[in-house]
PDB file of N, CA and C in Angstrom:
ATOM      1  N   MET A   1     -24.560-155.582  74.092  1.00  0.00           N
ATOM      2  CA  MET A   1     -24.115-154.838  73.062  1.00  0.00           C
ATOM      3  C   MET A   1     -22.449-154.825  73.712  1.00  0.00           C
ATOM      4  N   ALA A   2     -21.567-154.882  72.975  1.00  0.00           N
ATOM      5  CA  ALA A   2     -20.020-154.548  73.114  1.00  0.00           C
ATOM      6  C   ALA A   2     -19.875-153.435  72.439  1.00  0.00           C
ATOM      7  N   ASN A   3     -19.337-152.235  72.962  1.00  0.00           N
ATOM      8  CA  ASN A   3     -18.884-150.973  72.211  1.00  0.00           C
ATOM      9  C   ASN A   3     -17.536-150.631  72.153  1.00  0.00           C
ATOM     10  N   LEU A   4     -16.921-150.028  70.946  1.00  0.00           N
ATOM     11  CA  LEU A   4     -15.698-149.703  70.680  1.00  0.00           C
ATOM     12  C   LEU A   4     -15.592-148.571  70.131  1.00  0.00           C
ATOM     13  N   SER A   5     -14.719-147.650  70.755  1.00  0.00           N
ATOM     14  CA  SER A   5     -14.396-146.016  70.083  1.00  0.00           C
ATOM     15  C   SER A   5     -12.994-145.811  69.806  1.00  0.00           C
ATOM     16  N   VAL A   6     -12.587-145.674  68.462  1.00  0.00           N
ATOM     17  CA  VAL A   6     -11.513-145.325  68.163  1.00  0.00           C
ATOM     18  C   VAL A   6     -11.087-143.929  67.816  1.00  0.00           C
ATOM     19  N   LYS A   7     -10.302-143.114  68.319  1.00  0.00           N
ATOM     20  CA  LYS A   7     -10.149-141.908  68.168  1.00  0.00           C
ATOM     21  C   LYS A   7      -8.758-141.714  67.375  1.00  0.00           C
ATOM     22  N   GLY A   8      -8.903-140.764  66.378  1.00  0.00           N
ATOM     23  CA  GLY A   8      -7.522-140.722  65.391  1.00  0.00           C
ATOM     24  C   GLY A   8      -7.275-139.122  65.236  1.00  0.00           C
ATOM     25  N   ASN A   9      -6.124-138.749  65.258  1.00  0.00           N
ATOM     26  CA  ASN A   9      -5.759-137.451  64.961  1.00  0.00           C
ATOM     27  C   ASN A   9      -5.442-137.069  63.536  1.00  0.00           C
ATOM     28  N   GLY A  10      -5.919-137.954  62.658  1.00  0.00           N
ATOM     29  CA  GLY A  10      -5.427-137.704  61.312  1.00  0.00           C
ATOM     30  C   GLY A  10      -5.875-136.630  60.551  1.00  0.00           C
ATOM     31  N   SER A  11      -6.008-136.381  59.344  1.00  0.00           N
ATOM     32  CA  SER A  11      -6.712-135.205  58.801  1.00  0.00           C
ATOM     33  C   SER A  11      -8.091-135.076  59.014  1.00  0.00           C
ATOM     34  N   ARG A  12      -8.744-134.037  59.162  1.00  0.00           N
ATOM     35  CA  ARG A  12     -10.226-134.200  59.319  1.00  0.00           C
ATOM     36  C   ARG A  12     -10.859-134.586  58.265  1.00  0.00           C
ATOM     37  N   ILE A  13     -12.145-135.478  58.266  1.00  0.00           N
ATOM     38  CA  ILE A  13     -12.843-135.626  57.551  1.00  0.00           C
ATOM     39  C   ILE A  13     -14.027-134.542  57.052  1.00  0.00           C
ATOM     40  N   PRO A  14     -14.078-133.906  56.139  1.00  0.00           N
ATOM     41  CA  PRO A  14     -15.147-133.155  55.823  1.00  0.00           C
ATOM     42  C   PRO A  14     -16.684-133.364  56.135  1.00  0.00           C
ATOM     43  N   GLU A  15     -17.563-132.883  56.951  1.00  0.00           N
ATOM     44  CA  GLU A  15     -18.583-133.198  57.411  1.00  0.00           C
ATOM     45  C   GLU A  15     -19.333-133.915  56.343  1.00  0.00           C
ATOM     46  N   GLU A  16     -19.766-133.211  55.122  1.00  0.00           N
ATOM     47  CA  GLU A  16     -20.442-133.420  53.989  1.00  0.00           C
ATOM     48  C   GLU A  16     -20.055-134.980  53.437  1.00  0.00           C
ATOM     49  N   GLN A  17     -18.739-135.125  53.739  1.00  0.00           N
ATOM     50  CA  GLN A  17     -18.269-136.584  53.171  1.00  0.00           C
ATOM     51  C   GLN A  17     -18.538-137.908  54.182  1.00  0.00           C
ATOM     52  N   LEU A  18     -18.849-137.387  55.505  1.00  0.00           N
ATOM     53  CA  LEU A  18     -19.015-138.809  56.414  1.00  0.00           C
ATOM     54  C   LEU A  18     -19.994-139.662  56.106  1.00  0.00           C
ATOM     55  N   LYS A  19     -21.369-138.832  55.403  1.00  0.00           N
ATOM     56  CA  LYS A  19     -22.122-139.987  55.057  1.00  0.00           C
ATOM     57  C   LYS A  19     -21.625-141.046  53.937  1.00  0.00           C
ATOM     58  N   TYR A  20     -20.838-140.730  53.136  1.00  0.00           N
ATOM     59  CA  TYR A  20     -20.143-141.959  52.429  1.00  0.00           C
ATOM     60  C   TYR A  20     -19.088-142.718  52.832  1.00  0.00           C
ATOM     61  N   LEU A  21     -18.600-142.400  53.989  1.00  0.00           N
ATOM     62  CA  LEU A  21     -17.296-142.904  54.269  1.00  0.00           C
ATOM     63  C   LEU A  21     -17.374-144.552  54.368  1.00  0.00           C
ATOM     64  N   PHE A  22     -18.675-145.060  54.383  1.00  0.00           N
ATOM     65  CA  PHE A  22     -18.695-146.625  54.655  1.00  0.00           C
ATOM     66  C   PHE A  22     -19.144-147.277  53.277  1.00  0.00           C
ATOM     67  N   TYR A  23     -19.010-146.188  52.231  1.00  0.00           N
ATOM     68  CA  TYR A  23     -19.440-146.836  50.694  1.00  0.00           C
ATOM     69  C   TYR A  23     -18.535-147.488  49.996  1.00  0.00           C
ATOM     70  N   ARG A  24     -18.357-148.209  49.453  1.00  0.00           N
ATOM     71  CA  ARG A  24     -17.434-149.138  48.525  1.00  0.00           C
ATOM     72  C   ARG A  24     -16.728-148.121  47.926  1.00  0.00           C
ATOM     73  N   TYR A  25     -15.411-148.453  47.828  1.00  0.00           N
ATOM     74  CA  TYR A  25     -14.411-147.683  46.974  1.00  0.00           C
ATOM     75  C   TYR A  25     -14.427-145.979  47.351  1.00  0.00           C
ATOM     76  N   PHE A  26     -15.050-145.271  48.178  1.00  0.00           N
ATOM     77  CA  PHE A  26     -15.067-144.028  48.340  1.00  0.00           C
ATOM     78  C   PHE A  26     -13.819-143.703  49.242  1.00  0.00           C
ATOM     79  N   ARG A  27     -13.583-142.642  48.862  1.00  0.00           N
ATOM     80  CA  ARG A  27     -11.934-142.104  49.313  1.00  0.00           C
ATOM     81  C   ARG A  27     -12.139-140.867  49.817  1.00  0.00           C
ATOM     82  N   VAL A  28     -11.926-140.110  50.963  1.00  0.00           N
ATOM     83  CA  VAL A  28     -12.041-138.801  51.286  1.00  0.00           C
ATOM     84  C   VAL A  28     -11.054-138.133  50.403  1.00  0.00           C
ATOM     85  N   ASP A  29     -10.021-138.208  50.140  1.00  0.00           N
ATOM     86  CA  ASP A  29      -8.901-137.439  49.478  1.00  0.00           C
ATOM     87  C   ASP A  29      -8.703-137.973  47.811  1.00  0.00           C
ATOM     88  N   ALA A  30      -9.794-138.660  47.467  1.00  0.00           N
ATOM     89  CA  ALA A  30      -9.883-139.244  46.220  1.00  0.00           C
ATOM     90  C   ALA A  30      -9.092-138.091  45.231  1.00  0.00           C
ATOM     91  N   LYS A  31      -9.281-136.786  44.990  1.00  0.00           N
ATOM     92  CA  LYS A  31      -8.563-136.122  44.058  1.00  0.00           C
ATOM     93  C   LYS A  31      -7.204-135.577  44.165  1.00  0.00           C
ATOM     94  N   LYS A  32      -6.740-136.015  45.354  1.00  0.00           N
ATOM     95  CA  LYS A  32      -5.522-135.751  45.481  1.00  0.00           C
ATOM     96  C   LYS A  32      -4.722-136.673  44.900  1.00  0.00           C
ATOM     97  N   PRO A  33      -3.401-136.291  43.741  1.00  0.00           N
ATOM     98  CA  PRO A  33      -2.974-137.224  42.891  1.00  0.00           C
ATOM     99  C   PRO A  33      -2.151-138.332  43.589  1.00  0.00           C
ATOM    100  N   HIS A  34      -1.741-138.382  45.007  1.00  0.00           N
ATOM    101  CA  HIS A  34      -1.011-139.236  45.830  1.00  0.00           C
ATOM    102  C   HIS A  34      -2.022-139.965  46.736  1.00  0.00           C
ATOM    103  N   THR A  35      -3.427-140.361  46.473  1.00  0.00           N
ATOM    104  CA  THR A  35      -4.131-140.660  47.722  1.00  0.00           C
ATOM    105  C   THR A  35      -3.932-142.384  47.262  1.00  0.00           C
ATOM    106  N   ALA A  36      -3.443-142.902  48.611  1.00  0.00           N
ATOM    107  CA  ALA A  36      -3.277-144.510  48.543  1.00  0.00           C
ATOM    108  C   ALA A  36      -4.556-145.132  49.238  1.00  0.00           C
ATOM    109  N   GLY A  37      -4.441-146.515  48.698  1.00  0.00           N
ATOM    110  CA  GLY A  37      -5.559-147.179  48.988  1.00  0.00           C
ATOM    111  C   GLY A  37      -6.987-147.226  48.031  1.00  0.00           C
ATOM    112  N   LEU A  38      -7.964-148.270  48.288  1.00  0.00           N
ATOM    113  CA  LEU A  38      -8.513-148.679  47.420  1.00  0.00           C
ATOM    114  C   LEU A  38      -9.830-148.209  47.501  1.00  0.00           C
ATOM    115  N   GLY A  39     -10.195-147.892  48.933  1.00  0.00           N
ATOM    116  CA  GLY A  39     -11.441-147.272  49.498  1.00  0.00           C
ATOM    117  C   GLY A  39     -12.584-148.650  49.936  1.00  0.00           C
ATOM    118  N   ILE A  40     -11.653-149.516  50.389  1.00  0.00           N
ATOM    119  CA  ILE A  40     -12.574-150.740  50.524  1.00  0.00           C
ATOM    120  C   ILE A  40     -12.523-151.184  52.293  1.00  0.00           C
ATOM    121  N   SER A  41     -11.473-150.691  52.696  1.00  0.00           N
ATOM    122  CA  SER A  41     -11.272-151.228  54.297  1.00  0.00           C
ATOM    123  C   SER A  41     -12.409-150.889  55.012  1.00  0.00           C
ATOM    124  N   LEU A  42     -12.978-149.448  55.023  1.00  0.00           N
ATOM    125  CA  LEU A  42     -14.118-149.032  55.707  1.00  0.00           C
ATOM    126  C   LEU A  42     -15.452-150.001  55.211  1.00  0.00           C
ATOM    127  N   TYR A  43     -15.421-149.903  54.230  1.00  0.00           N
ATOM    128  CA  TYR A  43     -16.677-150.600  53.628  1.00  0.00           C
ATOM    129  C   TYR A  43     -16.982-152.140  54.166  1.00  0.00           C
ATOM    130  N   ILE A  44     -15.795-152.684  54.336  1.00  0.00           N
ATOM    131  CA  ILE A  44     -15.725-154.415  54.390  1.00  0.00           C
ATOM    132  C   ILE A  44     -15.890-154.449  55.960  1.00  0.00           C
ATOM    133  N   SER A  45     -15.344-153.552  56.622  1.00  0.00           N
ATOM    134  CA  SER A  45     -15.557-153.861  58.276  1.00  0.00           C
ATOM    135  C   SER A  45     -16.869-153.184  58.467  1.00  0.00           C
ATOM    136  N   PHE A  46     -17.413-152.279  57.814  1.00  0.00           N
ATOM    137  CA  PHE A  46     -18.955-152.051  58.152  1.00  0.00           C
ATOM    138  C   PHE A  46     -19.675-152.878  57.786  1.00  0.00           C
ATOM    139  N   GLU A  47     -19.433-153.605  56.713  1.00  0.00           N
ATOM    140  CA  GLU A  47     -20.714-154.890  56.337  1.00  0.00           C
ATOM    141  C   GLU A  47     -20.594-156.018  57.085  1.00  0.00           C
ATOM    142  N   ILE A  48     -19.196-156.474  57.756  1.00  0.00           N
ATOM    143  CA  ILE A  48     -18.885-157.174  58.828  1.00  0.00           C
ATOM    144  C   ILE A  48     -19.831-157.158  59.995  1.00  0.00           C
ATOM    145  N   ILE A  49     -19.894-156.043  60.420  1.00  0.00           N
ATOM    146  CA  ILE A  49     -20.329-155.561  61.741  1.00  0.00           C
ATOM    147  C   ILE A  49     -21.885-155.446  61.450  1.00  0.00           C
ATOM    148  N   ARG A  50     -22.100-154.917  60.285  1.00  0.00           N
ATOM    149  CA  ARG A  50     -23.676-154.979  60.068  1.00  0.00           C
ATOM    150  C   ARG A  50     -24.108-156.295  59.883  1.00  0.00           C
ATOM    151  N   LYS A  51     -23.460-157.408  59.477  1.00  0.00           N
ATOM    152  CA  LYS A  51     -24.268-158.606  59.225  1.00  0.00           C
ATOM    153  C   LYS A  51     -24.296-159.602  60.335  1.00  0.00           C
ATOM    154  N   HIS A  52     -23.324-158.784  61.332  1.00  0.00           N
ATOM    155  CA  HIS A  52     -23.510-159.261  62.962  1.00  0.00           C
ATOM    156  C   HIS A  52     -24.499-158.613  63.551  1.00  0.00           C
ATOM    157  N   GLY A  53     -25.534-157.686  63.124  1.00  0.00           N
ATOM    158  CA  GLY A  53     -26.253-157.153  63.938  1.00  0.00           C
ATOM    159  C   GLY A  53     -25.778-155.893  64.485  1.00  0.00           C
ATOM    160  N   GLY A  54     -24.693-155.198  64.193  1.00  0.00           N
ATOM    161  CA  GLY A  54     -24.156-154.163  65.091  1.00  0.00           C
ATOM    162  C   GLY A  54     -24.300-152.751  63.988  1.00  0.00           C
ATOM    163  N   ASP A  55     -23.365-151.974  64.609  1.00  0.00           N
ATOM    164  CA  ASP A  55     -23.632-150.700  63.894  1.00  0.00           C
ATOM    165  C   ASP A  55     -22.037-150.108  64.009  1.00  0.00           C
ATOM    166  N   PHE A  56     -21.942-149.133  62.877  1.00  0.00           N
ATOM    167  CA  PHE A  56     -20.370-148.611  62.568  1.00  0.00           C
ATOM    168  C   PHE A  56     -20.707-147.245  62.558  1.00  0.00           C
ATOM    169  N   GLY A  57     -20.129-146.142  62.928  1.00  0.00           N
ATOM    170  CA  GLY A  57     -20.475-144.969  62.317  1.00  0.00           C
ATOM    171  C   GLY A  57     -19.197-144.241  62.987  1.00  0.00           C
ATOM    172  N   ALA A  58     -19.211-142.814  62.395  1.00  0.00           N
ATOM    173  CA  ALA A  58     -17.865-142.108  62.541  1.00  0.00           C
ATOM    174  C   ALA A  58     -17.958-140.493  62.534  1.00  0.00           C
ATOM    175  N   ASP A  59     -17.491-139.851  63.082  1.00  0.00           N
ATOM    176  CA  ASP A  59     -17.349-138.199  63.392  1.00  0.00           C
ATOM    177  C   ASP A  59     -16.150-137.406  63.313  1.00  0.00           C
ATOM    178  N   SER A  60     -16.115-136.235  63.025  1.00  0.00           N
ATOM    179  CA  SER A  60     -15.094-135.582  62.508  1.00  0.00           C
ATOM    180  C   SER A  60     -15.172-134.265  63.343  1.00  0.00           C
ATOM    181  N   LYS A  61     -14.549-133.617  64.191  1.00  0.00           N
ATOM    182  CA  LYS A  61     -15.063-132.548  64.801  1.00  0.00           C
ATOM    183  C   LYS A  61     -13.150-131.690  64.376  1.00  0.00           C
ATOM    184  N   GLN A  62     -13.153-130.360  63.757  1.00  0.00           N
ATOM    185  CA  GLN A  62     -12.322-129.527  63.680  1.00  0.00           C
ATOM    186  C   GLN A  62     -11.228-129.426  65.157  1.00  0.00           C
ATOM    187  N   GLY A  63     -10.220-129.784  65.126  1.00  0.00           N
ATOM    188  CA  GLY A  63      -9.553-129.970  66.518  1.00  0.00           C
ATOM    189  C   GLY A  63      -9.798-130.869  67.415  1.00  0.00           C
ATOM    190  N   LEU A  64     -10.546-131.742  66.971  1.00  0.00           N
ATOM    191  CA  LEU A  64     -10.665-132.783  68.019  1.00  0.00           C
ATOM    192  C   LEU A  64     -10.541-134.105  67.390  1.00  0.00           C
ATOM    193  N   GLY A  65     -10.151-134.083  66.094  1.00  0.00           N
ATOM    194  CA  GLY A  65      -9.726-135.284  64.928  1.00  0.00           C
ATOM    195  C   GLY A  65     -10.726-136.135  64.796  1.00  0.00           C
ATOM    196  N   ASN A  66     -10.710-137.483  64.700  1.00  0.00           N
ATOM    197  CA  ASN A  66     -11.992-138.664  64.078  1.00  0.00           C
ATOM    198  C   ASN A  66     -12.108-139.440  65.045  1.00  0.00           C
ATOM    199  N   ASN A  67     -13.405-139.663  64.992  1.00  0.00           N
ATOM    200  CA  ASN A  67     -13.768-140.984  66.146  1.00  0.00           C
ATOM    201  C   ASN A  67     -14.328-141.739  65.264  1.00  0.00           C
ATOM    202  N   PHE A  68     -14.363-143.261  65.327  1.00  0.00           N
ATOM    203  CA  PHE A  68     -14.992-144.302  65.081  1.00  0.00           C
ATOM    204  C   PHE A  68     -15.377-145.122  65.924  1.00  0.00           C
ATOM    205  N   CYS A  69     -16.770-145.363  66.034  1.00  0.00           N
ATOM    206  CA  CYS A  69     -17.492-146.315  66.852  1.00  0.00           C
ATOM    207  C   CYS A  69     -18.180-147.326  66.161  1.00  0.00           C
ATOM    208  N   LEU A  70     -17.936-148.314  66.983  1.00  0.00           N
ATOM    209  CA  LEU A  70     -18.820-149.748  66.456  1.00  0.00           C
ATOM    210  C   LEU A  70     -19.365-150.369  67.604  1.00  0.00           C
ATOM    211  N   SER A  71     -20.572-150.975  67.432  1.00  0.00           N
ATOM    212  CA  SER A  71     -21.420-151.534  68.440  1.00  0.00           C
ATOM    213  C   SER A  71     -21.578-153.147  67.902  1.00  0.00           C
ATOM    214  N   ILE A  72     -21.366-154.228  68.517  1.00  0.00           N
ATOM    215  CA  ILE A  72     -22.004-155.541  67.991  1.00  0.00           C
ATOM    216  C   ILE A  72     -22.374-155.992  69.033  1.00  0.00           C
ATOM    217  N   PRO A  73     -23.470-157.081  68.952  1.00  0.00           N
ATOM    218  CA  PRO A  73     -23.866-157.896  69.826  1.00  0.00           C
ATOM    219  C   PRO A  73     -23.156-158.669  70.340  1.00  0.00           C
ATOM    220  N   THR A  74     -23.039-159.145  71.937  1.00  0.00           N
ATOM    221  CA  THR A  74     -21.927-159.734  72.404  1.00  0.00           C
ATOM    222  C   THR A  74     -22.056-161.218  72.044  1.00  0.00           C
ATOM    223  N   GLY A  75     -23.194-161.778  71.461  1.00  0.00           N
ATOM    224  CA  GLY A  75     -23.103-162.968  71.094  1.00  0.00           C
ATOM    225  C   GLY A  75     -22.302-163.154  69.856  1.00  0.00           C
ATOM    226  N   ALA A  76     -22.387-162.208  69.120  1.00  0.00           N
ATOM    227  CA  ALA A  76     -21.530-161.953  67.665  1.00  0.00           C
ATOM    228  C   ALA A  76     -20.185-162.629  68.372  1.00  0.00           C
ATOM    229  N   LEU A  77     -19.564-162.067  69.063  1.00  0.00           N
ATOM    230  CA  LEU A  77     -18.327-162.238  69.453  1.00  0.00           C
ATOM    231  C   LEU A  77     -17.868-163.540  69.869  1.00  0.00           C
ATOM    232  N   SER A  78     -18.462-164.727  69.776  1.00  0.00           N
ATOM    233  CA  SER A  78     -18.261-165.945  70.476  1.00  0.00           C
ATOM    234  C   SER A  78     -17.108-166.434  69.195  1.00  0.00           C
ATOM    235  N   PHE A  79     -17.093-166.003  68.338  1.00  0.00           N
ATOM    236  CA  PHE A  79     -15.967-166.440  67.190  1.00  0.00           C
ATOM    237  C   PHE A  79     -14.524-166.025  67.921  1.00  0.00           C
ATOM    238  N   ILE A  80     -14.187-165.179  68.734  1.00  0.00           N
ATOM    239  CA  ILE A  80     -13.011-164.726  69.072  1.00  0.00           C
ATOM    240  C   ILE A  80     -12.663-165.560  70.224  1.00  0.00           C
TER     241      ILE A  80
END
């Protein structure tokens, strides 16, 4: 397995919303009037990783930012 972790210091994702993060069209700040995006980028990424036998997850801690982790079988990386 190849593992990758990306840490960001953007707005914290509320814990109760983390389970929806990879749903199609889900946006964390959807109720804000100027929320950009369609809510499909993480969904598409999740589906690509999942269909190659990998996993994609996220966590968010107050003061520590957001962390996105993915793992994918090394055989699935042969196209790179």
